[in-house]
């Protein structure tokens, strides 16, 4: 697994939200799902880190799924994490196809 993470990089999940219940629920859902290459970044609105990363403050809470330099649109609502996982899998698979030429 370490070699795969080194070669392919992490699957980043950026959660932008405040300290509210909706953000906490999404955070628990993300952490409960098994994905050894996933890295979770929790960013709060109005912080320097959020501004430098280029993620908007609205809508809140929102998930951005990122592979390399490619990130999803903001994902919100009850199925946000499922949509994020689907995005990560599809981009990761595209990357494999591009490298093998299949």
Protein backbone atom coordinates (compact mmCIF):
# COMPACT_ATOMS: atom_id res chain seq x y z
CA UNK A 1 0.00 0.00 0.00
CA UNK A 2 2.84 2.41 0.74
CA UNK A 3 4.25 1.88 -2.73
CA UNK A 4 0.85 2.55 -4.34
CA UNK A 5 0.42 5.73 -2.32
CA UNK A 6 3.93 6.83 -3.24
CA UNK A 7 3.47 6.12 -6.95
CA UNK A 8 -0.12 7.29 -7.35
CA UNK A 9 -0.36 9.84 -4.55
CA UNK A 10 -3.07 10.22 -1.96
CA UNK A 11 -6.79 10.53 -2.59
CA UNK A 12 -7.54 13.86 -0.91
CA UNK A 13 -10.89 14.71 0.58
CA UNK A 14 -11.23 18.37 1.53
CA UNK A 15 -14.09 19.13 3.91
CA UNK A 16 -14.94 22.82 4.13
CA UNK A 17 -17.20 23.61 7.03
CA UNK A 18 -17.76 25.23 10.36
CA UNK A 19 -18.00 23.53 13.75
CA UNK A 20 -21.66 22.67 13.19
CA UNK A 21 -23.43 19.33 13.33
CA UNK A 22 -23.60 18.89 9.52
CA UNK A 23 -19.82 19.23 9.19
CA UNK A 24 -19.27 16.81 12.07
CA UNK A 25 -21.60 14.25 10.51
CA UNK A 26 -19.74 14.40 7.19
CA UNK A 27 -16.38 14.16 8.94
CA UNK A 28 -17.46 11.02 10.84
CA UNK A 29 -18.80 9.46 7.63
CA UNK A 30 -15.52 10.14 5.80
CA UNK A 31 -13.39 8.74 8.61
CA UNK A 32 -15.57 5.64 9.00
CA UNK A 33 -15.07 4.56 5.38
CA UNK A 34 -12.02 2.40 4.71
CA UNK A 35 -9.71 3.97 2.13
CA UNK A 36 -6.03 3.59 3.01
CA UNK A 37 -4.86 6.21 0.47
CA UNK A 38 -7.34 8.85 1.62
CA UNK A 39 -6.17 11.99 3.34
CA UNK A 40 -8.78 14.22 4.96
CA UNK A 41 -8.24 17.98 5.16
CA UNK A 42 -10.71 19.89 7.31
CA UNK A 43 -10.79 23.59 6.45
CA UNK A 44 -12.80 26.29 8.16
CA UNK A 45 -14.32 29.27 6.36
CA UNK A 46 -12.38 32.51 6.58
CA UNK A 47 -9.01 30.88 7.24
CA UNK A 48 -5.79 31.61 5.41
CA UNK A 49 -5.40 27.92 4.49
CA UNK A 50 -8.79 27.87 2.75
CA UNK A 51 -8.07 31.04 0.81
CA UNK A 52 -4.60 29.84 -0.25
CA UNK A 53 -6.01 26.46 -1.35
CA UNK A 54 -8.54 28.24 -3.56
CA UNK A 55 -11.68 26.60 -2.23
CA UNK A 56 -14.75 28.85 -1.87
CA UNK A 57 -16.42 29.42 1.50
CA UNK A 58 -19.88 28.62 0.15
CA UNK A 59 -21.71 26.27 0.17
CA UNK A 60 -21.12 24.92 3.67
CA UNK A 61 -20.42 22.21 4.45
CA UNK A 62 -18.94 20.98 1.19
CA UNK A 63 -16.64 18.15 0.17
CA UNK A 64 -14.05 18.46 -2.58
CA UNK A 65 -12.56 15.18 -3.79
CA UNK A 66 -9.06 15.60 -5.24
CA UNK A 67 -6.61 13.37 -7.09
CA UNK A 68 -3.37 15.12 -7.97
CA UNK A 69 -4.35 18.61 -9.08
CA UNK A 70 -7.86 17.63 -10.21
CA UNK A 71 -10.71 18.35 -7.77
CA UNK A 72 -14.44 17.82 -7.99
CA UNK A 73 -17.01 20.57 -7.86
CA UNK A 74 -18.38 21.19 -4.36
CA UNK A 75 -20.37 18.18 -3.19
CA UNK A 76 -23.12 18.86 -0.67
CA UNK A 77 -26.09 17.13 0.89
CA UNK A 78 -26.76 13.65 2.19
CA UNK A 79 -24.93 11.87 -0.66
CA UNK A 80 -21.90 14.18 -0.74
CA UNK A 81 -19.40 11.61 0.49
CA UNK A 82 -20.75 8.87 -1.81
CA UNK A 83 -20.35 11.28 -4.73
CA UNK A 84 -16.82 12.13 -3.57
CA UNK A 85 -15.87 8.45 -3.45
CA UNK A 86 -17.29 7.90 -6.95
CA UNK A 87 -15.26 10.87 -8.24
CA UNK A 88 -12.06 9.59 -6.64
CA UNK A 89 -12.53 6.09 -8.09
CA UNK A 90 -13.29 7.40 -11.60
CA UNK A 91 -10.33 9.82 -11.71
CA UNK A 92 -8.00 7.21 -10.23
CA UNK A 93 -9.14 4.68 -12.86
CA UNK A 94 -8.67 7.24 -15.67
CA UNK A 95 -5.14 7.83 -14.42
CA UNK A 96 -4.41 4.09 -14.60
CA UNK A 97 -5.82 3.89 -18.13
CA UNK A 98 -3.72 6.83 -19.30
CA UNK A 99 -0.54 5.29 -17.88
CA UNK A 100 -1.11 1.87 -19.42
CA UNK A 101 -2.53 3.14 -22.70
CA UNK A 102 -5.56 0.85 -22.41
